[in-house]
Amino acid sequence: MNVLKMAKKYYPVLWNIGRIKALVAAGKLTQEEYKEVTGEDYSE
């Protein structure tokens, strides 16, 4: 399972918004994928 699929599965039940932001900062998710998962625009 890739990171995007995991984020969609676990956010917000097991992963909070901080975890998703950390994945973007680490280059594991793009800002577009962040918006797809959370419904919000990415801001650091």
PDB file of N, CA and C in Angstrom:
ATOM      1  N   MET A   1       0.855  -1.171   0.000  1.00  0.00           N
ATOM      2  CA  MET A   1       0.000   0.000   0.000  1.00  0.00           C
ATOM      3  C   MET A   1       0.905   1.240   0.000  1.00  0.00           C
ATOM      4  N   ASN A   2       0.590   2.192  -0.872  1.00  0.00           N
ATOM      5  CA  ASN A   2       1.419   3.398  -0.924  1.00  0.00           C
ATOM      6  C   ASN A   2       0.965   4.417   0.131  1.00  0.00           C
ATOM      7  N   VAL A   3       1.755   5.463   0.288  1.00  0.00           N
ATOM      8  CA  VAL A   3       1.511   6.455   1.338  1.00  0.00           C
ATOM      9  C   VAL A   3       0.172   7.156   1.148  1.00  0.00           C
ATOM     10  N   LEU A   4      -0.176   7.498  -0.077  1.00  0.00           N
ATOM     11  CA  LEU A   4      -1.454   8.175  -0.321  1.00  0.00           C
ATOM     12  C   LEU A   4      -2.623   7.291   0.106  1.00  0.00           C
ATOM     13  N   LYS A   5      -2.605   6.038  -0.266  1.00  0.00           N
ATOM     14  CA  LYS A   5      -3.694   5.135   0.121  1.00  0.00           C
ATOM     15  C   LYS A   5      -3.769   4.984   1.635  1.00  0.00           C
ATOM     16  N   MET A   6      -2.605   4.892   2.279  1.00  0.00           N
ATOM     17  CA  MET A   6      -2.584   4.778   3.743  1.00  0.00           C
ATOM     18  C   MET A   6      -3.143   6.038   4.389  1.00  0.00           C
ATOM     19  N   ALA A   7      -2.759   7.200   3.855  1.00  0.00           N
ATOM     20  CA  ALA A   7      -3.255   8.459   4.414  1.00  0.00           C
ATOM     21  C   ALA A   7      -4.773   8.540   4.296  1.00  0.00           C
ATOM     22  N   LYS A   8      -5.297   8.149   3.150  1.00  0.00           N
ATOM     23  CA  LYS A   8      -6.751   8.176   2.961  1.00  0.00           C
ATOM     24  C   LYS A   8      -7.445   7.205   3.921  1.00  0.00           C
ATOM     25  N   LYS A   9      -6.815   6.077   4.167  1.00  0.00           N
ATOM     26  CA  LYS A   9      -7.416   5.071   5.036  1.00  0.00           C
ATOM     27  C   LYS A   9      -7.370   5.479   6.511  1.00  0.00           C
ATOM     28  N   TYR A  10      -6.249   6.044   6.948  1.00  0.00           N
ATOM     29  CA  TYR A  10      -6.032   6.293   8.371  1.00  0.00           C
ATOM     30  C   TYR A  10      -6.357   7.703   8.851  1.00  0.00           C
ATOM     31  N   TYR A  11      -6.471   8.678   7.950  1.00  0.00           N
ATOM     32  CA  TYR A  11      -6.815  10.036   8.373  1.00  0.00           C
ATOM     33  C   TYR A  11      -8.315  10.177   8.434  1.00  0.00           C
ATOM     34  N   PRO A  12      -8.915  10.721   9.416  1.00  0.00           N
ATOM     35  CA  PRO A  12      -8.386  11.239  10.673  1.00  0.00           C
ATOM     36  C   PRO A  12      -8.471  10.257  11.836  1.00  0.00           C
ATOM     37  N   VAL A  13      -8.845   9.022  11.567  1.00  0.00           N
ATOM     38  CA  VAL A  13      -9.060   8.055  12.646  1.00  0.00           C
ATOM     39  C   VAL A  13      -7.767   7.755  13.413  1.00  0.00           C
ATOM     40  N   LEU A  14      -6.715   7.369  12.710  1.00  0.00           N
ATOM     41  CA  LEU A  14      -5.459   7.017  13.378  1.00  0.00           C
ATOM     42  C   LEU A  14      -4.360   8.050  13.175  1.00  0.00           C
ATOM     43  N   TRP A  15      -4.410   8.775  12.080  1.00  0.00           N
ATOM     44  CA  TRP A  15      -3.398   9.801  11.785  1.00  0.00           C
ATOM     45  C   TRP A  15      -4.042  11.169  11.891  1.00  0.00           C
ATOM     46  N   ASN A  16      -3.390  12.067  12.644  1.00  0.00           N
ATOM     47  CA  ASN A  16      -3.920  13.426  12.752  1.00  0.00           C
ATOM     48  C   ASN A  16      -3.340  14.303  11.645  1.00  0.00           C
ATOM     49  N   ILE A  17      -3.768  15.558  11.621  1.00  0.00           N
ATOM     50  CA  ILE A  17      -3.348  16.484  10.580  1.00  0.00           C
ATOM     51  C   ILE A  17      -1.838  16.722  10.628  1.00  0.00           C
ATOM     52  N   GLY A  18      -1.257  16.675  11.825  1.00  0.00           N
ATOM     53  CA  GLY A  18       0.187  16.849  11.964  1.00  0.00           C
ATOM     54  C   GLY A  18       0.961  15.760  11.255  1.00  0.00           C
ATOM     55  N   ARG A  19       0.458  14.556  11.312  1.00  0.00           N
ATOM     56  CA  ARG A  19       1.106  13.428  10.639  1.00  0.00           C
ATOM     57  C   ARG A  19       1.059  13.613   9.119  1.00  0.00           C
ATOM     58  N   ILE A  20      -0.055  14.072   8.602  1.00  0.00           N
ATOM     59  CA  ILE A  20      -0.183  14.292   7.167  1.00  0.00           C
ATOM     60  C   ILE A  20       0.743  15.424   6.723  1.00  0.00           C
ATOM     61  N   LYS A  21       0.814  16.498   7.519  1.00  0.00           N
ATOM     62  CA  LYS A  21       1.738  17.599   7.199  1.00  0.00           C
ATOM     63  C   LYS A  21       3.181  17.122   7.219  1.00  0.00           C
ATOM     64  N   ALA A  22       3.531  16.251   8.153  1.00  0.00           N
ATOM     65  CA  ALA A  22       4.886  15.713   8.230  1.00  0.00           C
ATOM     66  C   ALA A  22       5.217  14.889   6.988  1.00  0.00           C
ATOM     67  N   LEU A  23       4.248  14.187   6.458  1.00  0.00           N
ATOM     68  CA  LEU A  23       4.462  13.404   5.236  1.00  0.00           C
ATOM     69  C   LEU A  23       4.719  14.314   4.042  1.00  0.00           C
ATOM     70  N   VAL A  24       4.040  15.452   3.995  1.00  0.00           N
ATOM     71  CA  VAL A  24       4.293  16.424   2.919  1.00  0.00           C
ATOM     72  C   VAL A  24       5.690  17.011   3.084  1.00  0.00           C
ATOM     73  N   ALA A  25       6.045  17.388   4.303  1.00  0.00           N
ATOM     74  CA  ALA A  25       7.361  17.973   4.570  1.00  0.00           C
ATOM     75  C   ALA A  25       8.490  16.995   4.233  1.00  0.00           C
ATOM     76  N   ALA A  26       8.238  15.710   4.414  1.00  0.00           N
ATOM     77  CA  ALA A  26       9.243  14.687   4.129  1.00  0.00           C
ATOM     78  C   ALA A  26       9.275  14.288   2.651  1.00  0.00           C
ATOM     79  N   GLY A  27       8.347  14.846   1.869  1.00  0.00           N
ATOM     80  CA  GLY A  27       8.311  14.534   0.449  1.00  0.00           C
ATOM     81  C   GLY A  27       7.602  13.237   0.109  1.00  0.00           C
ATOM     82  N   LYS A  28       6.869  12.700   1.067  1.00  0.00           N
ATOM     83  CA  LYS A  28       6.141  11.441   0.837  1.00  0.00           C
ATOM     84  C   LYS A  28       4.775  11.679   0.202  1.00  0.00           C
ATOM     85  N   LEU A  29       4.216  12.879   0.427  1.00  0.00           N
ATOM     86  CA  LEU A  29       2.963  13.294  -0.201  1.00  0.00           C
ATOM     87  C   LEU A  29       3.177  14.657  -0.840  1.00  0.00           C
ATOM     88  N   THR A  30       2.455  14.915  -1.911  1.00  0.00           N
ATOM     89  CA  THR A  30       2.506  16.241  -2.525  1.00  0.00           C
ATOM     90  C   THR A  30       1.458  17.131  -1.861  1.00  0.00           C
ATOM     91  N   GLN A  31       1.538  18.422  -2.135  1.00  0.00           N
ATOM     92  CA  GLN A  31       0.540  19.341  -1.605  1.00  0.00           C
ATOM     93  C   GLN A  31      -0.840  19.046  -2.183  1.00  0.00           C
ATOM     94  N   GLU A  32      -0.874  18.591  -3.424  1.00  0.00           N
ATOM     95  CA  GLU A  32      -2.150  18.223  -4.042  1.00  0.00           C
ATOM     96  C   GLU A  32      -2.741  16.996  -3.356  1.00  0.00           C
ATOM     97  N   GLU A  33      -1.899  16.020  -3.028  1.00  0.00           N
ATOM     98  CA  GLU A  33      -2.372  14.823  -2.325  1.00  0.00           C
ATOM     99  C   GLU A  33      -2.848  15.182  -0.920  1.00  0.00           C
ATOM    100  N   TYR A  34      -2.161  16.124  -0.294  1.00  0.00           N
ATOM    101  CA  TYR A  34      -2.579  16.615   1.023  1.00  0.00           C
ATOM    102  C   TYR A  34      -4.013  17.138   0.950  1.00  0.00           C
ATOM    103  N   LYS A  35      -4.281  17.957  -0.068  1.00  0.00           N
ATOM    104  CA  LYS A  35      -5.629  18.517  -0.227  1.00  0.00           C
ATOM    105  C   LYS A  35      -6.646  17.412  -0.509  1.00  0.00           C
ATOM    106  N   GLU A  36      -6.240  16.427  -1.286  1.00  0.00           N
ATOM    107  CA  GLU A  36      -7.128  15.300  -1.603  1.00  0.00           C
ATOM    108  C   GLU A  36      -7.510  14.537  -0.332  1.00  0.00           C
ATOM    109  N   VAL A  37      -6.558  14.359   0.562  1.00  0.00           N
ATOM    110  CA  VAL A  37      -6.787  13.599   1.800  1.00  0.00           C
ATOM    111  C   VAL A  37      -7.572  14.427   2.809  1.00  0.00           C
ATOM    112  N   THR A  38      -7.163  15.682   3.023  1.00  0.00           N
ATOM    113  CA  THR A  38      -7.729  16.482   4.105  1.00  0.00           C
ATOM    114  C   THR A  38      -8.847  17.415   3.673  1.00  0.00           C
ATOM    115  N   GLY A  39      -8.878  17.775   2.400  1.00  0.00           N
ATOM    116  CA  GLY A  39      -9.848  18.746   1.923  1.00  0.00           C
ATOM    117  C   GLY A  39      -9.437  20.183   2.179  1.00  0.00           C
ATOM    118  N   GLU A  40      -8.211  20.380   2.669  1.00  0.00           N
ATOM    119  CA  GLU A  40      -7.706  21.717   2.979  1.00  0.00           C
ATOM    120  C   GLU A  40      -6.463  21.998   2.141  1.00  0.00           C
ATOM    121  N   ASP A  41      -6.180  23.293   1.923  1.00  0.00           N
ATOM    122  CA  ASP A  41      -4.935  23.671   1.273  1.00  0.00           C
ATOM    123  C   ASP A  41      -3.798  23.488   2.265  1.00  0.00           C
ATOM    124  N   TYR A  42      -2.628  23.094   1.754  1.00  0.00           N
ATOM    125  CA  TYR A  42      -1.464  22.867   2.609  1.00  0.00           C
ATOM    126  C   TYR A  42      -0.833  24.188   3.017  1.00  0.00           C
ATOM    127  N   SER A  43      -0.561  24.334   4.310  1.00  0.00           N
ATOM    128  CA  SER A  43       0.210  25.461   4.831  1.00  0.00           C
ATOM    129  C   SER A  43       1.092  24.909   5.938  1.00  0.00           C
ATOM    130  N   GLU A  44       2.314  25.328   5.950  1.00  0.00           N
ATOM    131  CA  GLU A  44       3.285  24.795   6.920  1.00  0.00           C
ATOM    132  C   GLU A  44       2.996  25.200   8.326  1.00  0.00           C
TER     133      GLU A  44
END
